PDB file of N, CA and C in Angstrom:
ATOM      1  N   UNK A   1     -20.843 -17.699 -41.061  1.00  0.00           N
ATOM      2  CA  UNK A   1     -19.556 -17.460 -40.446  1.00  0.00           C
ATOM      3  C   UNK A   1     -18.557 -18.476 -41.005  1.00  0.00           C
ATOM      4  N   UNK A   2     -17.393 -18.017 -41.329  1.00  0.00           N
ATOM      5  CA  UNK A   2     -16.398 -18.914 -41.908  1.00  0.00           C
ATOM      6  C   UNK A   2     -15.803 -19.816 -40.826  1.00  0.00           C
ATOM      7  N   UNK A   3     -15.193 -20.871 -41.275  1.00  0.00           N
ATOM      8  CA  UNK A   3     -14.599 -21.833 -40.328  1.00  0.00           C
ATOM      9  C   UNK A   3     -13.485 -21.183 -39.515  1.00  0.00           C
ATOM     10  N   UNK A   4     -12.704 -20.340 -40.134  1.00  0.00           N
ATOM     11  CA  UNK A   4     -11.602 -19.653 -39.438  1.00  0.00           C
ATOM     12  C   UNK A   4     -12.149 -18.718 -38.354  1.00  0.00           C
ATOM     13  N   UNK A   5     -13.198 -17.983 -38.666  1.00  0.00           N
ATOM     14  CA  UNK A   5     -13.804 -17.077 -37.687  1.00  0.00           C
ATOM     15  C   UNK A   5     -14.367 -17.868 -36.510  1.00  0.00           C
ATOM     16  N   UNK A   6     -15.011 -18.991 -36.801  1.00  0.00           N
ATOM     17  CA  UNK A   6     -15.562 -19.847 -35.749  1.00  0.00           C
ATOM     18  C   UNK A   6     -14.445 -20.399 -34.866  1.00  0.00           C
ATOM     19  N   UNK A   7     -13.366 -20.842 -35.474  1.00  0.00           N
ATOM     20  CA  UNK A   7     -12.217 -21.370 -34.727  1.00  0.00           C
ATOM     21  C   UNK A   7     -11.612 -20.294 -33.829  1.00  0.00           C
ATOM     22  N   UNK A   8     -11.472 -19.094 -34.379  1.00  0.00           N
ATOM     23  CA  UNK A   8     -10.924 -17.992 -33.587  1.00  0.00           C
ATOM     24  C   UNK A   8     -11.844 -17.617 -32.423  1.00  0.00           C
ATOM     25  N   UNK A   9     -13.145 -17.651 -32.654  1.00  0.00           N
ATOM     26  CA  UNK A   9     -14.104 -17.343 -31.591  1.00  0.00           C
ATOM     27  C   UNK A   9     -14.028 -18.390 -30.473  1.00  0.00           C
ATOM     28  N   UNK A  10     -13.905 -19.648 -30.855  1.00  0.00           N
ATOM     29  CA  UNK A  10     -13.789 -20.716 -29.854  1.00  0.00           C
ATOM     30  C   UNK A  10     -12.486 -20.572 -29.075  1.00  0.00           C
ATOM     31  N   UNK A  11     -11.415 -20.268 -29.784  1.00  0.00           N
ATOM     32  CA  UNK A  11     -10.104 -20.084 -29.135  1.00  0.00           C
ATOM     33  C   UNK A  11     -10.147 -18.916 -28.161  1.00  0.00           C
ATOM     34  N   UNK A  12     -10.810 -17.840 -28.589  1.00  0.00           N
ATOM     35  CA  UNK A  12     -10.929 -16.657 -27.725  1.00  0.00           C
ATOM     36  C   UNK A  12     -11.729 -16.990 -26.469  1.00  0.00           C
ATOM     37  N   UNK A  13     -12.817 -17.738 -26.616  1.00  0.00           N
ATOM     38  CA  UNK A  13     -13.630 -18.124 -25.466  1.00  0.00           C
ATOM     39  C   UNK A  13     -12.828 -19.005 -24.506  1.00  0.00           C
ATOM     40  N   UNK A  14     -12.046 -19.932 -25.060  1.00  0.00           N
ATOM     41  CA  UNK A  14     -11.228 -20.811 -24.219  1.00  0.00           C
ATOM     42  C   UNK A  14     -10.164 -20.004 -23.477  1.00  0.00           C
ATOM     43  N   UNK A  15      -9.558 -19.024 -24.164  1.00  0.00           N
ATOM     44  CA  UNK A  15      -8.551 -18.188 -23.508  1.00  0.00           C
ATOM     45  C   UNK A  15      -9.165 -17.327 -22.404  1.00  0.00           C
ATOM     46  N   UNK A  16     -10.353 -16.801 -22.650  1.00  0.00           N
ATOM     47  CA  UNK A  16     -11.033 -16.002 -21.617  1.00  0.00           C
ATOM     48  C   UNK A  16     -11.332 -16.855 -20.375  1.00  0.00           C
ATOM     49  N   UNK A  17     -11.779 -18.077 -20.600  1.00  0.00           N
ATOM     50  CA  UNK A  17     -12.064 -18.972 -19.483  1.00  0.00           C
ATOM     51  C   UNK A  17     -10.781 -19.290 -18.710  1.00  0.00           C
ATOM     52  N   UNK A  18      -9.713 -19.536 -19.449  1.00  0.00           N
ATOM     53  CA  UNK A  18      -8.417 -19.826 -18.813  1.00  0.00           C
ATOM     54  C   UNK A  18      -7.948 -18.619 -17.990  1.00  0.00           C
ATOM     55  N   UNK A  19      -8.124 -17.419 -18.525  1.00  0.00           N
ATOM     56  CA  UNK A  19      -7.749 -16.198 -17.796  1.00  0.00           C
ATOM     57  C   UNK A  19      -8.567 -16.041 -16.517  1.00  0.00           C
ATOM     58  N   UNK A  20      -9.851 -16.355 -16.582  1.00  0.00           N
ATOM     59  CA  UNK A  20     -10.709 -16.252 -15.401  1.00  0.00           C
ATOM     60  C   UNK A  20     -10.245 -17.213 -14.308  1.00  0.00           C
ATOM     61  N   UNK A  21      -9.869 -18.415 -14.697  1.00  0.00           N
ATOM     62  CA  UNK A  21      -9.367 -19.396 -13.730  1.00  0.00           C
ATOM     63  C   UNK A  21      -8.061 -18.905 -13.105  1.00  0.00           C
ATOM     64  N   UNK A  22      -7.179 -18.355 -13.936  1.00  0.00           N
ATOM     65  CA  UNK A  22      -5.910 -17.835 -13.424  1.00  0.00           C
ATOM     66  C   UNK A  22      -6.131 -16.656 -12.473  1.00  0.00           C
ATOM     67  N   UNK A  23      -7.069 -15.759 -12.801  1.00  0.00           N
ATOM     68  CA  UNK A  23      -7.366 -14.623 -11.917  1.00  0.00           C
ATOM     69  C   UNK A  23      -7.886 -15.104 -10.571  1.00  0.00           C
ATOM     70  N   UNK A  24      -8.752 -16.111 -10.588  1.00  0.00           N
ATOM     71  CA  UNK A  24      -9.289 -16.656  -9.343  1.00  0.00           C
ATOM     72  C   UNK A  24      -8.183 -17.270  -8.497  1.00  0.00           C
ATOM     73  N   UNK A  25      -7.309 -18.031  -9.125  1.00  0.00           N
ATOM     74  CA  UNK A  25      -6.190 -18.659  -8.412  1.00  0.00           C
ATOM     75  C   UNK A  25      -5.257 -17.585  -7.831  1.00  0.00           C
ATOM     76  N   UNK A  26      -4.973 -16.559  -8.616  1.00  0.00           N
ATOM     77  CA  UNK A  26      -4.112 -15.469  -8.159  1.00  0.00           C
ATOM     78  C   UNK A  26      -4.747 -14.726  -6.981  1.00  0.00           C
ATOM     79  N   UNK A  27      -6.044 -14.497  -7.030  1.00  0.00           N
ATOM     80  CA  UNK A  27      -6.735 -13.804  -5.938  1.00  0.00           C
ATOM     81  C   UNK A  27      -6.639 -14.608  -4.641  1.00  0.00           C
ATOM     82  N   UNK A  28      -6.823 -15.921  -4.740  1.00  0.00           N
ATOM     83  CA  UNK A  28      -6.709 -16.759  -3.530  1.00  0.00           C
ATOM     84  C   UNK A  28      -5.285 -16.747  -2.989  1.00  0.00           C
ATOM     85  N   UNK A  29      -4.301 -16.781  -3.863  1.00  0.00           N
ATOM     86  CA  UNK A  29      -2.909 -16.754  -3.435  1.00  0.00           C
ATOM     87  C   UNK A  29      -2.575 -15.425  -2.753  1.00  0.00           C
ATOM     88  N   UNK A  30      -3.044 -14.327  -3.309  1.00  0.00           N
ATOM     89  CA  UNK A  30      -2.802 -13.015  -2.718  1.00  0.00           C
ATOM     90  C   UNK A  30      -3.453 -12.924  -1.342  1.00  0.00           C
ATOM     91  N   UNK A  31      -4.655 -13.465  -1.189  1.00  0.00           N
ATOM     92  CA  UNK A  31      -5.319 -13.458   0.116  1.00  0.00           C
ATOM     93  C   UNK A  31      -4.502 -14.218   1.160  1.00  0.00           C
ATOM     94  N   UNK A  32      -3.948 -15.362   0.770  1.00  0.00           N
ATOM     95  CA  UNK A  32      -3.124 -16.134   1.696  1.00  0.00           C
ATOM     96  C   UNK A  32      -1.873 -15.359   2.088  1.00  0.00           C
ATOM     97  N   UNK A  33      -1.246 -14.725   1.121  1.00  0.00           N
ATOM     98  CA  UNK A  33      -0.035 -13.943   1.408  1.00  0.00           C
ATOM     99  C   UNK A  33      -0.360 -12.768   2.311  1.00  0.00           C
ATOM    100  N   UNK A  34      -1.470 -12.080   2.047  1.00  0.00           N
ATOM    101  CA  UNK A  34      -1.875 -10.954   2.893  1.00  0.00           C
ATOM    102  C   UNK A  34      -2.119 -11.393   4.327  1.00  0.00           C
ATOM    103  N   UNK A  35      -2.726 -12.556   4.497  1.00  0.00           N
ATOM    104  CA  UNK A  35      -2.990 -13.070   5.845  1.00  0.00           C
ATOM    105  C   UNK A  35      -1.677 -13.319   6.581  1.00  0.00           C
ATOM    106  N   UNK A  36      -0.738 -13.948   5.909  1.00  0.00           N
ATOM    107  CA  UNK A  36       0.554 -14.229   6.541  1.00  0.00           C
ATOM    108  C   UNK A  36       1.314 -12.951   6.849  1.00  0.00           C
ATOM    109  N   UNK A  37       1.319 -12.021   5.922  1.00  0.00           N
ATOM    110  CA  UNK A  37       2.025 -10.765   6.155  1.00  0.00           C
ATOM    111  C   UNK A  37       1.338  -9.931   7.232  1.00  0.00           C
ATOM    112  N   UNK A  38       0.036 -10.069   7.363  1.00  0.00           N
ATOM    113  CA  UNK A  38      -0.680  -9.386   8.436  1.00  0.00           C
ATOM    114  C   UNK A  38      -0.206  -9.876   9.794  1.00  0.00           C
ATOM    115  N   UNK A  39       0.041 -11.170   9.910  1.00  0.00           N
ATOM    116  CA  UNK A  39       0.559 -11.725  11.167  1.00  0.00           C
ATOM    117  C   UNK A  39       1.957 -11.187  11.449  1.00  0.00           C
ATOM    118  N   UNK A  40       2.777 -11.095  10.421  1.00  0.00           N
ATOM    119  CA  UNK A  40       4.125 -10.559  10.581  1.00  0.00           C
ATOM    120  C   UNK A  40       4.055  -9.095  11.018  1.00  0.00           C
ATOM    121  N   UNK A  41       3.158  -8.328  10.404  1.00  0.00           N
ATOM    122  CA  UNK A  41       3.000  -6.915  10.771  1.00  0.00           C
ATOM    123  C   UNK A  41       2.582  -6.769  12.232  1.00  0.00           C
ATOM    124  N   UNK A  42       1.649  -7.604  12.669  1.00  0.00           N
ATOM    125  CA  UNK A  42       1.215  -7.542  14.075  1.00  0.00           C
ATOM    126  C   UNK A  42       2.373  -7.873  15.008  1.00  0.00           C
ATOM    127  N   UNK A  43       3.179  -8.854  14.646  1.00  0.00           N
ATOM    128  CA  UNK A  43       4.342  -9.211  15.461  1.00  0.00           C
ATOM    129  C   UNK A  43       5.354  -8.083  15.535  1.00  0.00           C
ATOM    130  N   UNK A  44       5.614  -7.454  14.404  1.00  0.00           N
ATOM    131  CA  UNK A  44       6.558  -6.328  14.388  1.00  0.00           C
ATOM    132  C   UNK A  44       6.036  -5.175  15.224  1.00  0.00           C
ATOM    133  N   UNK A  45       4.749  -4.882  15.098  1.00  0.00           N
ATOM    134  CA  UNK A  45       4.163  -3.802  15.901  1.00  0.00           C
ATOM    135  C   UNK A  45       4.230  -4.116  17.390  1.00  0.00           C
ATOM    136  N   UNK A  46       4.036  -5.363  17.751  1.00  0.00           N
ATOM    137  CA  UNK A  46       4.124  -5.768  19.161  1.00  0.00           C
ATOM    138  C   UNK A  46       5.543  -5.581  19.687  1.00  0.00           C
ATOM    139  N   UNK A  47       6.528  -5.985  18.907  1.00  0.00           N
ATOM    140  CA  UNK A  47       7.924  -5.818  19.312  1.00  0.00           C
ATOM    141  C   UNK A  47       8.260  -4.335  19.435  1.00  0.00           C
ATOM    142  N   UNK A  48       7.817  -3.536  18.480  1.00  0.00           N
ATOM    143  CA  UNK A  48       8.067  -2.087  18.549  1.00  0.00           C
ATOM    144  C   UNK A  48       7.423  -1.472  19.789  1.00  0.00           C
ATOM    145  N   UNK A  49       6.205  -1.917  20.109  1.00  0.00           N
ATOM    146  CA  UNK A  49       5.486  -1.386  21.261  1.00  0.00           C
ATOM    147  C   UNK A  49       6.271  -1.637  22.545  1.00  0.00           C
ATOM    148  N   UNK A  50       6.699  -2.884  22.737  1.00  0.00           N
ATOM    149  CA  UNK A  50       7.407  -3.212  23.973  1.00  0.00           C
ATOM    150  C   UNK A  50       8.849  -2.707  23.978  1.00  0.00           C
ATOM    151  N   UNK A  51       9.463  -2.636  22.810  1.00  0.00           N
ATOM    152  CA  UNK A  51      10.851  -2.156  22.741  1.00  0.00           C
ATOM    153  C   UNK A  51      10.940  -0.665  23.061  1.00  0.00           C
ATOM    154  N   UNK A  52       9.855   0.050  22.871  1.00  0.00           N
ATOM    155  CA  UNK A  52       9.874   1.488  23.148  1.00  0.00           C
ATOM    156  C   UNK A  52       9.619   1.794  24.623  1.00  0.00           C
ATOM    157  N   UNK A  53       9.484   0.767  25.441  1.00  0.00           N
ATOM    158  CA  UNK A  53       9.240   0.954  26.867  1.00  0.00           C
ATOM    159  C   UNK A  53      10.429   0.399  27.660  1.00  0.00           C
ATOM    160  N   UNK A  54      11.247   1.293  28.211  1.00  0.00           N
ATOM    161  CA  UNK A  54      12.458   0.865  28.919  1.00  0.00           C
ATOM    162  C   UNK A  54      12.161  -0.022  30.133  1.00  0.00           C
ATOM    163  N   UNK A  55      11.036   0.203  30.803  1.00  0.00           N
ATOM    164  CA  UNK A  55      10.701  -0.604  31.981  1.00  0.00           C
ATOM    165  C   UNK A  55      10.482  -2.068  31.588  1.00  0.00           C
ATOM    166  N   UNK A  56       9.863  -2.282  30.452  1.00  0.00           N
ATOM    167  CA  UNK A  56       9.624  -3.657  29.994  1.00  0.00           C
ATOM    168  C   UNK A  56      10.942  -4.332  29.658  1.00  0.00           C
ATOM    169  N   UNK A  57      11.829  -3.610  29.002  1.00  0.00           N
ATOM    170  CA  UNK A  57      13.140  -4.170  28.653  1.00  0.00           C
ATOM    171  C   UNK A  57      13.928  -4.485  29.917  1.00  0.00           C
ATOM    172  N   UNK A  58      13.920  -3.561  30.891  1.00  0.00           N
ATOM    173  CA  UNK A  58      14.638  -3.802  32.148  1.00  0.00           C
ATOM    174  C   UNK A  58      14.041  -4.995  32.885  1.00  0.00           C
ATOM    175  N   UNK A  59      12.718  -5.116  32.877  1.00  0.00           N
ATOM    176  CA  UNK A  59      12.065  -6.261  33.508  1.00  0.00           C
ATOM    177  C   UNK A  59      12.442  -7.571  32.847  1.00  0.00           C
ATOM    178  N   UNK A  60      12.511  -7.562  31.523  1.00  0.00           N
ATOM    179  CA  UNK A  60      12.884  -8.778  30.798  1.00  0.00           C
ATOM    180  C   UNK A  60      14.323  -9.176  31.111  1.00  0.00           C
ATOM    181  N   UNK A  61      15.206  -8.198  31.168  1.00  0.00           N
ATOM    182  CA  UNK A  61      16.610  -8.482  31.506  1.00  0.00           C
ATOM    183  C   UNK A  61      16.702  -9.007  32.936  1.00  0.00           C
ATOM    184  N   UNK A  62      15.953  -8.407  33.827  1.00  0.00           N
ATOM    185  CA  UNK A  62      15.943  -8.875  35.217  1.00  0.00           C
ATOM    186  C   UNK A  62      15.417 -10.293  35.338  1.00  0.00           C
ATOM    187  N   UNK A  63      14.345 -10.577  34.641  1.00  0.00           N
ATOM    188  CA  UNK A  63      13.777 -11.926  34.656  1.00  0.00           C
ATOM    189  C   UNK A  63      14.762 -12.932  34.077  1.00  0.00           C
ATOM    190  N   UNK A  64      15.436 -12.546  33.022  1.00  0.00           N
ATOM    191  CA  UNK A  64      16.438 -13.401  32.399  1.00  0.00           C
ATOM    192  C   UNK A  64      17.570 -13.686  33.384  1.00  0.00           C
ATOM    193  N   UNK A  65      17.987 -12.660  34.118  1.00  0.00           N
ATOM    194  CA  UNK A  65      19.069 -12.812  35.083  1.00  0.00           C
ATOM    195  C   UNK A  65      18.631 -13.674  36.264  1.00  0.00           C
ATOM    196  N   UNK A  66      17.411 -13.456  36.732  1.00  0.00           N
ATOM    197  CA  UNK A  66      16.899 -14.195  37.886  1.00  0.00           C
ATOM    198  C   UNK A  66      16.682 -15.679  37.589  1.00  0.00           C
ATOM    199  N   UNK A  67      16.020 -15.968  36.502  1.00  0.00           N
ATOM    200  CA  UNK A  67      15.634 -17.348  36.214  1.00  0.00           C
ATOM    201  C   UNK A  67      16.679 -18.122  35.424  1.00  0.00           C
ATOM    202  N   UNK A  68      17.420 -17.440  34.613  1.00  0.00           N
ATOM    203  CA  UNK A  68      18.390 -18.129  33.776  1.00  0.00           C
ATOM    204  C   UNK A  68      17.792 -18.480  32.437  1.00  0.00           C
ATOM    205  N   UNK A  69      18.646 -18.673  31.475  1.00  0.00           N
ATOM    206  CA  UNK A  69      18.164 -18.893  30.103  1.00  0.00           C
ATOM    207  C   UNK A  69      17.412 -20.206  29.916  1.00  0.00           C
ATOM    208  N   UNK A  70      17.801 -21.260  30.605  1.00  0.00           N
ATOM    209  CA  UNK A  70      17.154 -22.560  30.390  1.00  0.00           C
ATOM    210  C   UNK A  70      15.700 -22.528  30.816  1.00  0.00           C
ATOM    211  N   UNK A  71      15.434 -21.972  31.998  1.00  0.00           N
ATOM    212  CA  UNK A  71      14.053 -21.905  32.472  1.00  0.00           C
ATOM    213  C   UNK A  71      13.207 -20.995  31.586  1.00  0.00           C
ATOM    214  N   UNK A  72      13.791 -19.880  31.189  1.00  0.00           N
ATOM    215  CA  UNK A  72      13.033 -18.947  30.342  1.00  0.00           C
ATOM    216  C   UNK A  72      12.695 -19.566  28.996  1.00  0.00           C
ATOM    217  N   UNK A  73      13.625 -20.296  28.413  1.00  0.00           N
ATOM    218  CA  UNK A  73      13.360 -20.946  27.132  1.00  0.00           C
ATOM    219  C   UNK A  73      12.272 -22.003  27.306  1.00  0.00           C
ATOM    220  N   UNK A  74      12.309 -22.735  28.391  1.00  0.00           N
ATOM    221  CA  UNK A  74      11.265 -23.729  28.667  1.00  0.00           C
ATOM    222  C   UNK A  74       9.905 -23.079  28.819  1.00  0.00           C
ATOM    223  N   UNK A  75       9.847 -21.999  29.583  1.00  0.00           N
ATOM    224  CA  UNK A  75       8.578 -21.280  29.762  1.00  0.00           C
ATOM    225  C   UNK A  75       8.094 -20.684  28.446  1.00  0.00           C
ATOM    226  N   UNK A  76       9.017 -20.127  27.676  1.00  0.00           N
ATOM    227  CA  UNK A  76       8.642 -19.548  26.385  1.00  0.00           C
ATOM    228  C   UNK A  76       8.095 -20.626  25.452  1.00  0.00           C
ATOM    229  N   UNK A  77       8.706 -21.795  25.476  1.00  0.00           N
ATOM    230  CA  UNK A  77       8.220 -22.903  24.649  1.00  0.00           C
ATOM    231  C   UNK A  77       6.820 -23.327  25.039  1.00  0.00           C
ATOM    232  N   UNK A  78       6.582 -23.465  26.343  1.00  0.00           N
ATOM    233  CA  UNK A  78       5.239 -23.827  26.813  1.00  0.00           C
ATOM    234  C   UNK A  78       4.228 -22.743  26.456  1.00  0.00           C
ATOM    235  N   UNK A  79       4.646 -21.498  26.612  1.00  0.00           N
ATOM    236  CA  UNK A  79       3.748 -20.390  26.277  1.00  0.00           C
ATOM    237  C   UNK A  79       3.402 -20.375  24.790  1.00  0.00           C
ATOM    238  N   UNK A  80       4.381 -20.674  23.959  1.00  0.00           N
ATOM    239  CA  UNK A  80       4.143 -20.709  22.527  1.00  0.00           C
ATOM    240  C   UNK A  80       3.180 -21.833  22.154  1.00  0.00           C
ATOM    241  N   UNK A  81       3.338 -22.980  22.794  1.00  0.00           N
ATOM    242  CA  UNK A  81       2.432 -24.102  22.538  1.00  0.00           C
ATOM    243  C   UNK A  81       1.016 -23.718  22.945  1.00  0.00           C
ATOM    244  N   UNK A  82       0.861 -23.110  24.114  1.00  0.00           N
ATOM    245  CA  UNK A  82      -0.470 -22.695  24.572  1.00  0.00           C
ATOM    246  C   UNK A  82      -1.065 -21.629  23.649  1.00  0.00           C
ATOM    247  N   UNK A  83      -0.244 -20.695  23.229  1.00  0.00           N
ATOM    248  CA  UNK A  83      -0.719 -19.637  22.333  1.00  0.00           C
ATOM    249  C   UNK A  83      -1.179 -20.219  20.999  1.00  0.00           C
ATOM    250  N   UNK A  84      -0.409 -21.137  20.448  1.00  0.00           N
ATOM    251  CA  UNK A  84      -0.765 -21.763  19.180  1.00  0.00           C
ATOM    252  C   UNK A  84      -2.044 -22.586  19.323  1.00  0.00           C
ATOM    253  N   UNK A  85      -2.142 -23.348  20.403  1.00  0.00           N
ATOM    254  CA  UNK A  85      -3.349 -24.153  20.631  1.00  0.00           C
ATOM    255  C   UNK A  85      -4.570 -23.250  20.802  1.00  0.00           C
ATOM    256  N   UNK A  86      -4.406 -22.159  21.513  1.00  0.00           N
ATOM    257  CA  UNK A  86      -5.520 -21.225  21.697  1.00  0.00           C
ATOM    258  C   UNK A  86      -5.958 -20.598  20.389  1.00  0.00           C
ATOM    259  N   UNK A  87      -5.017 -20.239  19.550  1.00  0.00           N
ATOM    260  CA  UNK A  87      -5.353 -19.647  18.245  1.00  0.00           C
ATOM    261  C   UNK A  87      -6.098 -20.654  17.373  1.00  0.00           C
ATOM    262  N   UNK A  88      -5.650 -21.896  17.391  1.00  0.00           N
ATOM    263  CA  UNK A  88      -6.334 -22.927  16.600  1.00  0.00           C
ATOM    264  C   UNK A  88      -7.739 -23.183  17.125  1.00  0.00           C
ATOM    265  N   UNK A  89      -7.881 -23.175  18.439  1.00  0.00           N
ATOM    266  CA  UNK A  89      -9.197 -23.379  19.036  1.00  0.00           C
ATOM    267  C   UNK A  89     -10.141 -22.245  18.654  1.00  0.00           C
ATOM    268  N   UNK A  90      -9.649 -21.031  18.682  1.00  0.00           N
ATOM    269  CA  UNK A  90     -10.478 -19.889  18.274  1.00  0.00           C
ATOM    270  C   UNK A  90     -10.894 -19.987  16.814  1.00  0.00           C
ATOM    271  N   UNK A  91      -9.976 -20.436  15.955  1.00  0.00           N
ATOM    272  CA  UNK A  91     -10.319 -20.609  14.538  1.00  0.00           C
ATOM    273  C   UNK A  91     -11.383 -21.666  14.363  1.00  0.00           C
ATOM    274  N   UNK A  92     -11.302 -22.735  15.156  1.00  0.00           N
ATOM    275  CA  UNK A  92     -12.312 -23.794  15.062  1.00  0.00           C
ATOM    276  C   UNK A  92     -13.679 -23.302  15.539  1.00  0.00           C
ATOM    277  N   UNK A  93     -13.695 -22.459  16.547  1.00  0.00           N
ATOM    278  CA  UNK A  93     -14.955 -21.962  17.089  1.00  0.00           C
ATOM    279  C   UNK A  93     -15.623 -20.963  16.158  1.00  0.00           C
ATOM    280  N   UNK A  94     -14.862 -20.318  15.311  1.00  0.00           N
ATOM    281  CA  UNK A  94     -15.443 -19.345  14.365  1.00  0.00           C
ATOM    282  C   UNK A  94     -16.081 -20.078  13.262  1.00  0.00           C
TER     283      UNK A  94
END
């Protein structure tokens, strides 16, 4: 085998290895993006579900009127903290 052919074969092998590494990195990145977009999709579906129910909307408006925005924001903040902590705990248990 000539020196040029050997050099080209080595270069080709190095490029194939580099491509394999890039494909692996791209696959991991796509998985992360899919996971995040899956959460967004679930959130949108949840909003659509409740928005299509007039009783839920009327109840939310009534609760907002009864309690006031400050209390509701405080409760929502506490609920979000509990929800986030619960999700992290579930991930740790898996």
